[in-house]
């Protein structure tokens, strides 16, 4: 890890196309950064990315909350087919 000391307005260059600028430092020590990067470069906060990954893992491991009743679904399809007019009956009318 490279540790740098910067002041407000100073920049850090990463490669040829990423610029990080120190925008402000609050009295409680919070640093506000501006990042200029090409659109294809993904920029995420670590805690947000960790939360998304955790949520995805929990969703993948969770048991499904609903199940599909195949017989009920088939009966529903049959009723819909019977209720809707066929092409032949609408053409002959």
PDB file of N, CA and C in Angstrom:
ATOM      1  N   UNK A   1       0.853  -1.177   0.000  1.00  0.00           N
ATOM      2  CA  UNK A   1       0.000   0.000   0.000  1.00  0.00           C
ATOM      3  C   UNK A   1       0.892   1.231   0.000  1.00  0.00           C
ATOM      4  N   UNK A   2       0.514   2.172  -0.817  1.00  0.00           N
ATOM      5  CA  UNK A   2       1.205   3.451  -0.875  1.00  0.00           C
ATOM      6  C   UNK A   2       0.422   4.445  -0.024  1.00  0.00           C
ATOM      7  N   UNK A   3       1.081   5.073   0.932  1.00  0.00           N
ATOM      8  CA  UNK A   3       0.423   6.082   1.774  1.00  0.00           C
ATOM      9  C   UNK A   3       0.971   7.448   1.394  1.00  0.00           C
ATOM     10  N   UNK A   4       0.063   8.361   1.048  1.00  0.00           N
ATOM     11  CA  UNK A   4       0.461   9.703   0.631  1.00  0.00           C
ATOM     12  C   UNK A   4      -0.194  10.743   1.511  1.00  0.00           C
ATOM     13  N   UNK A   5       0.475  11.859   1.682  1.00  0.00           N
ATOM     14  CA  UNK A   5      -0.102  13.002   2.381  1.00  0.00           C
ATOM     15  C   UNK A   5      -0.407  14.059   1.331  1.00  0.00           C
ATOM     16  N   UNK A   6      -1.641  14.512   1.297  1.00  0.00           N
ATOM     17  CA  UNK A   6      -2.079  15.507   0.321  1.00  0.00           C
ATOM     18  C   UNK A   6      -2.827  16.601   1.060  1.00  0.00           C
ATOM     19  N   UNK A   7      -2.873  17.764   0.470  1.00  0.00           N
ATOM     20  CA  UNK A   7      -3.639  18.880   1.004  1.00  0.00           C
ATOM     21  C   UNK A   7      -4.811  19.146   0.076  1.00  0.00           C
ATOM     22  N   UNK A   8      -5.764  19.954   0.537  1.00  0.00           N
ATOM     23  CA  UNK A   8      -6.949  20.272  -0.249  1.00  0.00           C
ATOM     24  C   UNK A   8      -6.514  20.843  -1.605  1.00  0.00           C
ATOM     25  N   UNK A   9      -7.121  20.310  -2.653  1.00  0.00           N
ATOM     26  CA  UNK A   9      -6.828  20.750  -4.008  1.00  0.00           C
ATOM     27  C   UNK A   9      -5.734  19.955  -4.695  1.00  0.00           C
ATOM     28  N   UNK A  10      -4.936  19.217  -3.936  1.00  0.00           N
ATOM     29  CA  UNK A  10      -3.878  18.429  -4.545  1.00  0.00           C
ATOM     30  C   UNK A  10      -4.457  17.146  -5.134  1.00  0.00           C
ATOM     31  N   UNK A  11      -3.774  16.613  -6.140  1.00  0.00           N
ATOM     32  CA  UNK A  11      -4.280  15.477  -6.891  1.00  0.00           C
ATOM     33  C   UNK A  11      -3.326  14.291  -6.817  1.00  0.00           C
ATOM     34  N   UNK A  12      -3.904  13.117  -7.034  1.00  0.00           N
ATOM     35  CA  UNK A  12      -3.142  11.879  -7.170  1.00  0.00           C
ATOM     36  C   UNK A  12      -3.546  11.289  -8.508  1.00  0.00           C
ATOM     37  N   UNK A  13      -2.574  10.902  -9.314  1.00  0.00           N
ATOM     38  CA  UNK A  13      -2.842  10.309 -10.614  1.00  0.00           C
ATOM     39  C   UNK A  13      -2.642   8.805 -10.537  1.00  0.00           C
ATOM     40  N   UNK A  14      -3.599   8.075 -11.071  1.00  0.00           N
ATOM     41  CA  UNK A  14      -3.519   6.612 -11.131  1.00  0.00           C
ATOM     42  C   UNK A  14      -3.541   6.233 -12.608  1.00  0.00           C
ATOM     43  N   UNK A  15      -2.426   5.733 -13.078  1.00  0.00           N
ATOM     44  CA  UNK A  15      -2.317   5.440 -14.503  1.00  0.00           C
ATOM     45  C   UNK A  15      -2.379   6.736 -15.290  1.00  0.00           C
ATOM     46  N   UNK A  16      -2.877   6.634 -16.523  1.00  0.00           N
ATOM     47  CA  UNK A  16      -2.958   7.805 -17.391  1.00  0.00           C
ATOM     48  C   UNK A  16      -4.310   8.505 -17.349  1.00  0.00           C
ATOM     49  N   UNK A  17      -5.332   7.822 -16.786  1.00  0.00           N
ATOM     50  CA  UNK A  17      -6.673   8.378 -16.947  1.00  0.00           C
ATOM     51  C   UNK A  17      -7.523   8.443 -15.687  1.00  0.00           C
ATOM     52  N   UNK A  18      -6.927   8.275 -14.516  1.00  0.00           N
ATOM     53  CA  UNK A  18      -7.682   8.396 -13.267  1.00  0.00           C
ATOM     54  C   UNK A  18      -7.011   9.454 -12.393  1.00  0.00           C
ATOM     55  N   UNK A  19      -7.823  10.423 -11.945  1.00  0.00           N
ATOM     56  CA  UNK A  19      -7.318  11.512 -11.110  1.00  0.00           C
ATOM     57  C   UNK A  19      -8.153  11.565  -9.833  1.00  0.00           C
ATOM     58  N   UNK A  20      -7.489  11.524  -8.693  1.00  0.00           N
ATOM     59  CA  UNK A  20      -8.154  11.645  -7.391  1.00  0.00           C
ATOM     60  C   UNK A  20      -7.737  12.996  -6.798  1.00  0.00           C
ATOM     61  N   UNK A  21      -8.733  13.810  -6.446  1.00  0.00           N
ATOM     62  CA  UNK A  21      -8.468  15.146  -5.908  1.00  0.00           C
ATOM     63  C   UNK A  21      -9.015  15.241  -4.491  1.00  0.00           C
ATOM     64  N   UNK A  22      -8.225  15.796  -3.572  1.00  0.00           N
ATOM     65  CA  UNK A  22      -8.704  16.052  -2.209  1.00  0.00           C
ATOM     66  C   UNK A  22      -9.554  17.311  -2.268  1.00  0.00           C
ATOM     67  N   UNK A  23     -10.859  17.165  -2.003  1.00  0.00           N
ATOM     68  CA  UNK A  23     -11.778  18.302  -2.076  1.00  0.00           C
ATOM     69  C   UNK A  23     -11.874  19.042  -0.756  1.00  0.00           C
ATOM     70  N   UNK A  24     -11.931  18.300   0.350  1.00  0.00           N
ATOM     71  CA  UNK A  24     -12.030  18.951   1.660  1.00  0.00           C
ATOM     72  C   UNK A  24     -11.667  17.956   2.749  1.00  0.00           C
ATOM     73  N   UNK A  25     -11.328  18.520   3.910  1.00  0.00           N
ATOM     74  CA  UNK A  25     -11.084  17.727   5.111  1.00  0.00           C
ATOM     75  C   UNK A  25     -11.847  18.419   6.235  1.00  0.00           C
ATOM     76  N   UNK A  26     -12.778  17.683   6.856  1.00  0.00           N
ATOM     77  CA  UNK A  26     -13.590  18.281   7.917  1.00  0.00           C
ATOM     78  C   UNK A  26     -12.833  18.246   9.243  1.00  0.00           C
ATOM     79  N   UNK A  27     -13.272  19.039  10.217  1.00  0.00           N
ATOM     80  CA  UNK A  27     -12.609  19.060  11.524  1.00  0.00           C
ATOM     81  C   UNK A  27     -12.576  17.682  12.200  1.00  0.00           C
ATOM     82  N   UNK A  28     -13.576  16.820  11.898  1.00  0.00           N
ATOM     83  CA  UNK A  28     -13.577  15.496  12.535  1.00  0.00           C
ATOM     84  C   UNK A  28     -12.733  14.484  11.752  1.00  0.00           C
ATOM     85  N   UNK A  29     -12.036  14.942  10.712  1.00  0.00           N
ATOM     86  CA  UNK A  29     -11.099  14.079  10.006  1.00  0.00           C
ATOM     87  C   UNK A  29     -11.640  13.410   8.756  1.00  0.00           C
ATOM     88  N   UNK A  30     -12.885  13.664   8.419  1.00  0.00           N
ATOM     89  CA  UNK A  30     -13.452  13.056   7.209  1.00  0.00           C
ATOM     90  C   UNK A  30     -12.884  13.754   5.973  1.00  0.00           C
ATOM     91  N   UNK A  31     -12.440  12.952   5.036  1.00  0.00           N
ATOM     92  CA  UNK A  31     -11.837  13.465   3.817  1.00  0.00           C
ATOM     93  C   UNK A  31     -12.820  13.304   2.670  1.00  0.00           C
ATOM     94  N   UNK A  32     -13.010  14.354   1.903  1.00  0.00           N
ATOM     95  CA  UNK A  32     -13.890  14.296   0.744  1.00  0.00           C
ATOM     96  C   UNK A  32     -13.011  14.267  -0.504  1.00  0.00           C
ATOM     97  N   UNK A  33     -13.218  13.222  -1.336  1.00  0.00           N
ATOM     98  CA  UNK A  33     -12.403  13.035  -2.520  1.00  0.00           C
ATOM     99  C   UNK A  33     -13.248  13.181  -3.773  1.00  0.00           C
ATOM    100  N   UNK A  34     -12.632  13.688  -4.825  1.00  0.00           N
ATOM    101  CA  UNK A  34     -13.246  13.708  -6.146  1.00  0.00           C
ATOM    102  C   UNK A  34     -12.458  12.767  -7.025  1.00  0.00           C
ATOM    103  N   UNK A  35     -13.155  11.945  -7.798  1.00  0.00           N
ATOM    104  CA  UNK A  35     -12.482  10.966  -8.648  1.00  0.00           C
ATOM    105  C   UNK A  35     -12.928  11.171 -10.084  1.00  0.00           C
ATOM    106  N   UNK A  36     -11.972  11.391 -10.958  1.00  0.00           N
ATOM    107  CA  UNK A  36     -12.236  11.498 -12.391  1.00  0.00           C
ATOM    108  C   UNK A  36     -11.685  10.239 -13.036  1.00  0.00           C
ATOM    109  N   UNK A  37     -12.568   9.505 -13.733  1.00  0.00           N
ATOM    110  CA  UNK A  37     -12.153   8.259 -14.372  1.00  0.00           C
ATOM    111  C   UNK A  37     -13.032   8.019 -15.598  1.00  0.00           C
ATOM    112  N   UNK A  38     -12.550   7.220 -16.539  1.00  0.00           N
ATOM    113  CA  UNK A  38     -13.390   6.880 -17.689  1.00  0.00           C
ATOM    114  C   UNK A  38     -14.643   6.143 -17.236  1.00  0.00           C
ATOM    115  N   UNK A  39     -15.694   6.217 -18.041  1.00  0.00           N
ATOM    116  CA  UNK A  39     -16.975   5.594 -17.679  1.00  0.00           C
ATOM    117  C   UNK A  39     -16.859   4.093 -17.458  1.00  0.00           C
ATOM    118  N   UNK A  40     -15.964   3.421 -18.135  1.00  0.00           N
ATOM    119  CA  UNK A  40     -15.871   1.960 -18.012  1.00  0.00           C
ATOM    120  C   UNK A  40     -15.178   1.519 -16.723  1.00  0.00           C
ATOM    121  N   UNK A  41     -14.595   2.446 -15.991  1.00  0.00           N
ATOM    122  CA  UNK A  41     -13.930   2.114 -14.728  1.00  0.00           C
ATOM    123  C   UNK A  41     -14.967   2.144 -13.614  1.00  0.00           C
ATOM    124  N   UNK A  42     -15.121   1.022 -12.933  1.00  0.00           N
ATOM    125  CA  UNK A  42     -16.087   0.924 -11.843  1.00  0.00           C
ATOM    126  C   UNK A  42     -15.461   1.461 -10.560  1.00  0.00           C
ATOM    127  N   UNK A  43     -16.213   2.316  -9.876  1.00  0.00           N
ATOM    128  CA  UNK A  43     -15.740   2.899  -8.617  1.00  0.00           C
ATOM    129  C   UNK A  43     -16.794   2.612  -7.555  1.00  0.00           C
ATOM    130  N   UNK A  44     -16.412   1.898  -6.502  1.00  0.00           N
ATOM    131  CA  UNK A  44     -17.334   1.531  -5.431  1.00  0.00           C
ATOM    132  C   UNK A  44     -16.717   1.841  -4.082  1.00  0.00           C
ATOM    133  N   UNK A  45     -17.583   2.153  -3.113  1.00  0.00           N
ATOM    134  CA  UNK A  45     -17.125   2.241  -1.732  1.00  0.00           C
ATOM    135  C   UNK A  45     -17.081   0.819  -1.188  1.00  0.00           C
ATOM    136  N   UNK A  46     -16.061   0.492  -0.443  1.00  0.00           N
ATOM    137  CA  UNK A  46     -15.851  -0.869   0.054  1.00  0.00           C
ATOM    138  C   UNK A  46     -17.028  -1.368   0.879  1.00  0.00           C
ATOM    139  N   UNK A  47     -17.569  -0.533   1.776  1.00  0.00           N
ATOM    140  CA  UNK A  47     -18.652  -0.994   2.653  1.00  0.00           C
ATOM    141  C   UNK A  47     -19.933  -1.262   1.865  1.00  0.00           C
ATOM    142  N   UNK A  48     -20.170  -0.505   0.800  1.00  0.00           N
ATOM    143  CA  UNK A  48     -21.362  -0.741  -0.019  1.00  0.00           C
ATOM    144  C   UNK A  48     -21.201  -2.040  -0.799  1.00  0.00           C
ATOM    145  N   UNK A  49     -20.034  -2.248  -1.385  1.00  0.00           N
ATOM    146  CA  UNK A  49     -19.770  -3.476  -2.129  1.00  0.00           C
ATOM    147  C   UNK A  49     -19.863  -4.703  -1.220  1.00  0.00           C
ATOM    148  N   UNK A  50     -19.339  -4.601   0.005  1.00  0.00           N
ATOM    149  CA  UNK A  50     -19.434  -5.712   0.965  1.00  0.00           C
ATOM    150  C   UNK A  50     -20.889  -6.018   1.313  1.00  0.00           C
ATOM    151  N   UNK A  51     -21.700  -4.970   1.492  1.00  0.00           N
ATOM    152  CA  UNK A  51     -23.115  -5.156   1.821  1.00  0.00           C
ATOM    153  C   UNK A  51     -23.862  -5.819   0.660  1.00  0.00           C
ATOM    154  N   UNK A  52     -23.567  -5.417  -0.569  1.00  0.00           N
ATOM    155  CA  UNK A  52     -24.209  -6.024  -1.743  1.00  0.00           C
ATOM    156  C   UNK A  52     -23.818  -7.494  -1.858  1.00  0.00           C
ATOM    157  N   UNK A  53     -22.548  -7.780  -1.676  1.00  0.00           N
ATOM    158  CA  UNK A  53     -22.091  -9.178  -1.752  1.00  0.00           C
ATOM    159  C   UNK A  53     -22.746 -10.034  -0.676  1.00  0.00           C
ATOM    160  N   UNK A  54     -22.848  -9.512   0.528  1.00  0.00           N
ATOM    161  CA  UNK A  54     -23.472 -10.249   1.626  1.00  0.00           C
ATOM    162  C   UNK A  54     -24.938 -10.513   1.328  1.00  0.00           C
ATOM    163  N   UNK A  55     -25.627  -9.508   0.824  1.00  0.00           N
ATOM    164  CA  UNK A  55     -27.036  -9.657   0.482  1.00  0.00           C
ATOM    165  C   UNK A  55     -27.220 -10.700  -0.617  1.00  0.00           C
ATOM    166  N   UNK A  56     -26.351 -10.681  -1.608  1.00  0.00           N
ATOM    167  CA  UNK A  56     -26.424 -11.674  -2.683  1.00  0.00           C
ATOM    168  C   UNK A  56     -26.178 -13.089  -2.169  1.00  0.00           C
ATOM    169  N   UNK A  57     -25.234 -13.229  -1.255  1.00  0.00           N
ATOM    170  CA  UNK A  57     -24.947 -14.551  -0.673  1.00  0.00           C
ATOM    171  C   UNK A  57     -26.149 -15.055   0.119  1.00  0.00           C
ATOM    172  N   UNK A  58     -26.771 -14.168   0.902  1.00  0.00           N
ATOM    173  CA  UNK A  58     -27.942 -14.566   1.688  1.00  0.00           C
ATOM    174  C   UNK A  58     -29.103 -14.946   0.779  1.00  0.00           C
ATOM    175  N   UNK A  59     -29.298 -14.204  -0.303  1.00  0.00           N
ATOM    176  CA  UNK A  59     -30.385 -14.513  -1.234  1.00  0.00           C
ATOM    177  C   UNK A  59     -30.141 -15.842  -1.940  1.00  0.00           C
ATOM    178  N   UNK A  60     -28.883 -16.117  -2.278  1.00  0.00           N
ATOM    179  CA  UNK A  60     -28.558 -17.368  -2.967  1.00  0.00           C
ATOM    180  C   UNK A  60     -28.735 -18.573  -2.047  1.00  0.00           C
ATOM    181  N   UNK A  61     -28.512 -18.380  -0.766  1.00  0.00           N
ATOM    182  CA  UNK A  61     -28.605 -19.488   0.188  1.00  0.00           C
ATOM    183  C   UNK A  61     -29.994 -19.649   0.799  1.00  0.00           C
ATOM    184  N   UNK A  62     -30.873 -18.679   0.590  1.00  0.00           N
ATOM    185  CA  UNK A  62     -32.211 -18.720   1.188  1.00  0.00           C
ATOM    186  C   UNK A  62     -33.087 -19.739   0.463  1.00  0.00           C
ATOM    187  N   UNK A  63     -33.950 -20.373   1.210  1.00  0.00           N
ATOM    188  CA  UNK A  63     -34.907 -21.307   0.616  1.00  0.00           C
ATOM    189  C   UNK A  63     -35.977 -20.496  -0.102  1.00  0.00           C
ATOM    190  N   UNK A  64     -36.472 -20.992  -1.206  1.00  0.00           N
ATOM    191  CA  UNK A  64     -37.521 -20.253  -1.904  1.00  0.00           C
ATOM    192  C   UNK A  64     -38.745 -20.083  -1.011  1.00  0.00           C
ATOM    193  N   UNK A  65     -39.363 -18.919  -1.080  1.00  0.00           N
ATOM    194  CA  UNK A  65     -40.507 -18.629  -0.217  1.00  0.00           C
ATOM    195  C   UNK A  65     -41.813 -19.122  -0.824  1.00  0.00           C
ATOM    196  N   UNK A  66     -41.848 -19.293  -2.127  1.00  0.00           N
ATOM    197  CA  UNK A  66     -43.057 -19.790  -2.779  1.00  0.00           C
ATOM    198  C   UNK A  66     -42.707 -20.971  -3.665  1.00  0.00           C
ATOM    199  N   UNK A  67     -43.640 -21.864  -3.815  1.00  0.00           N
ATOM    200  CA  UNK A  67     -43.445 -22.990  -4.711  1.00  0.00           C
ATOM    201  C   UNK A  67     -44.546 -22.960  -5.758  1.00  0.00           C
ATOM    202  N   UNK A  68     -44.257 -23.537  -6.887  1.00  0.00           N
ATOM    203  CA  UNK A  68     -45.228 -23.571  -7.975  1.00  0.00           C
ATOM    204  C   UNK A  68     -45.936 -24.917  -7.947  1.00  0.00           C
ATOM    205  N   UNK A  69     -47.260 -24.875  -7.923  1.00  0.00           N
ATOM    206  CA  UNK A  69     -48.071 -26.080  -7.986  1.00  0.00           C
ATOM    207  C   UNK A  69     -48.318 -26.367  -9.465  1.00  0.00           C
ATOM    208  N   UNK A  70     -47.619 -27.364 -10.002  1.00  0.00           N
ATOM    209  CA  UNK A  70     -47.674 -27.660 -11.432  1.00  0.00           C
ATOM    210  C   UNK A  70     -49.105 -27.993 -11.884  1.00  0.00           C
ATOM    211  N   UNK A  71     -49.834 -28.725 -11.086  1.00  0.00           N
ATOM    212  CA  UNK A  71     -51.200 -29.106 -11.467  1.00  0.00           C
ATOM    213  C   UNK A  71     -52.100 -27.874 -11.528  1.00  0.00           C
ATOM    214  N   UNK A  72     -51.977 -26.991 -10.553  1.00  0.00           N
ATOM    215  CA  UNK A  72     -52.793 -25.779 -10.539  1.00  0.00           C
ATOM    216  C   UNK A  72     -52.431 -24.885 -11.721  1.00  0.00           C
ATOM    217  N   UNK A  73     -51.164 -24.825 -12.051  1.00  0.00           N
ATOM    218  CA  UNK A  73     -50.719 -24.008 -13.171  1.00  0.00           C
ATOM    219  C   UNK A  73     -51.268 -24.566 -14.492  1.00  0.00           C
ATOM    220  N   UNK A  74     -51.256 -25.875 -14.656  1.00  0.00           N
ATOM    221  CA  UNK A  74     -51.796 -26.497 -15.861  1.00  0.00           C
ATOM    222  C   UNK A  74     -53.293 -26.251 -15.971  1.00  0.00           C
ATOM    223  N   UNK A  75     -54.024 -26.358 -14.857  1.00  0.00           N
ATOM    224  CA  UNK A  75     -55.455 -26.105 -14.853  1.00  0.00           C
ATOM    225  C   UNK A  75     -55.751 -24.653 -15.222  1.00  0.00           C
ATOM    226  N   UNK A  76     -54.946 -23.728 -14.709  1.00  0.00           N
ATOM    227  CA  UNK A  76     -55.091 -22.313 -15.031  1.00  0.00           C
ATOM    228  C   UNK A  76     -54.911 -22.095 -16.537  1.00  0.00           C
ATOM    229  N   UNK A  77     -53.878 -22.716 -17.125  1.00  0.00           N
ATOM    230  CA  UNK A  77     -53.619 -22.576 -18.551  1.00  0.00           C
ATOM    231  C   UNK A  77     -54.761 -23.132 -19.383  1.00  0.00           C
ATOM    232  N   UNK A  78     -55.311 -24.265 -18.954  1.00  0.00           N
ATOM    233  CA  UNK A  78     -56.424 -24.876 -19.684  1.00  0.00           C
ATOM    234  C   UNK A  78     -57.649 -23.977 -19.633  1.00  0.00           C
ATOM    235  N   UNK A  79     -57.933 -23.392 -18.486  1.00  0.00           N
ATOM    236  CA  UNK A  79     -59.092 -22.497 -18.365  1.00  0.00           C
ATOM    237  C   UNK A  79     -58.911 -21.251 -19.234  1.00  0.00           C
ATOM    238  N   UNK A  80     -57.689 -20.712 -19.259  1.00  0.00           N
ATOM    239  CA  UNK A  80     -57.422 -19.522 -20.084  1.00  0.00           C
ATOM    240  C   UNK A  80     -57.601 -19.856 -21.561  1.00  0.00           C
ATOM    241  N   UNK A  81     -57.140 -21.041 -21.975  1.00  0.00           N
ATOM    242  CA  UNK A  81     -57.261 -21.435 -23.376  1.00  0.00           C
ATOM    243  C   UNK A  81     -58.731 -21.615 -23.754  1.00  0.00           C
ATOM    244  N   UNK A  82     -59.515 -22.169 -22.842  1.00  0.00           N
ATOM    245  CA  UNK A  82     -60.935 -22.396 -23.102  1.00  0.00           C
ATOM    246  C   UNK A  82     -61.692 -21.061 -23.135  1.00  0.00           C
ATOM    247  N   UNK A  83     -61.302 -20.116 -22.312  1.00  0.00           N
ATOM    248  CA  UNK A  83     -62.015 -18.844 -22.195  1.00  0.00           C
ATOM    249  C   UNK A  83     -61.707 -17.902 -23.353  1.00  0.00           C
ATOM    250  N   UNK A  84     -60.500 -17.976 -23.942  1.00  0.00           N
ATOM    251  CA  UNK A  84     -60.164 -17.040 -25.019  1.00  0.00           C
ATOM    252  C   UNK A  84     -60.672 -17.586 -26.344  1.00  0.00           C
ATOM    253  N   UNK A  85     -61.214 -16.707 -27.193  1.00  0.00           N
ATOM    254  CA  UNK A  85     -61.736 -17.164 -28.481  1.00  0.00           C
ATOM    255  C   UNK A  85     -60.592 -17.615 -29.385  1.00  0.00           C
ATOM    256  N   UNK A  86     -60.816 -18.652 -30.143  1.00  0.00           N
ATOM    257  CA  UNK A  86     -59.785 -19.148 -31.057  1.00  0.00           C
ATOM    258  C   UNK A  86     -59.799 -18.319 -32.322  1.00  0.00           C
ATOM    259  N   UNK A  87     -58.743 -18.426 -33.119  1.00  0.00           N
ATOM    260  CA  UNK A  87     -58.655 -17.672 -34.363  1.00  0.00           C
ATOM    261  C   UNK A  87     -59.751 -18.090 -35.338  1.00  0.00           C
ATOM    262  N   UNK A  88     -60.036 -19.401 -35.385  1.00  0.00           N
ATOM    263  CA  UNK A  88     -61.047 -19.905 -36.330  1.00  0.00           C
ATOM    264  C   UNK A  88     -62.420 -19.339 -36.026  1.00  0.00           C
ATOM    265  N   UNK A  89     -62.811 -19.311 -34.750  1.00  0.00           N
ATOM    266  CA  UNK A  89     -64.149 -18.855 -34.408  1.00  0.00           C
ATOM    267  C   UNK A  89     -64.311 -17.361 -34.666  1.00  0.00           C
ATOM    268  N   UNK A  90     -63.229 -16.576 -34.533  1.00  0.00           N
ATOM    269  CA  UNK A  90     -63.328 -15.146 -34.780  1.00  0.00           C
ATOM    270  C   UNK A  90     -63.316 -14.845 -36.275  1.00  0.00           C
ATOM    271  N   UNK A  91     -62.650 -15.711 -37.069  1.00  0.00           N
ATOM    272  CA  UNK A  91     -62.612 -15.493 -38.523  1.00  0.00           C
ATOM    273  C   UNK A  91     -63.924 -15.895 -39.170  1.00  0.00           C
ATOM    274  N   UNK A  92     -64.576 -16.925 -38.656  1.00  0.00           N
ATOM    275  CA  UNK A  92     -65.831 -17.419 -39.237  1.00  0.00           C
ATOM    276  C   UNK A  92     -67.025 -16.600 -38.814  1.00  0.00           C
ATOM    277  N   UNK A  93     -66.892 -15.743 -37.851  1.00  0.00           N
ATOM    278  CA  UNK A  93     -68.037 -14.998 -37.345  1.00  0.00           C
ATOM    279  C   UNK A  93     -68.481 -13.896 -38.268  1.00  0.00           C
TER     280      UNK A  93
END
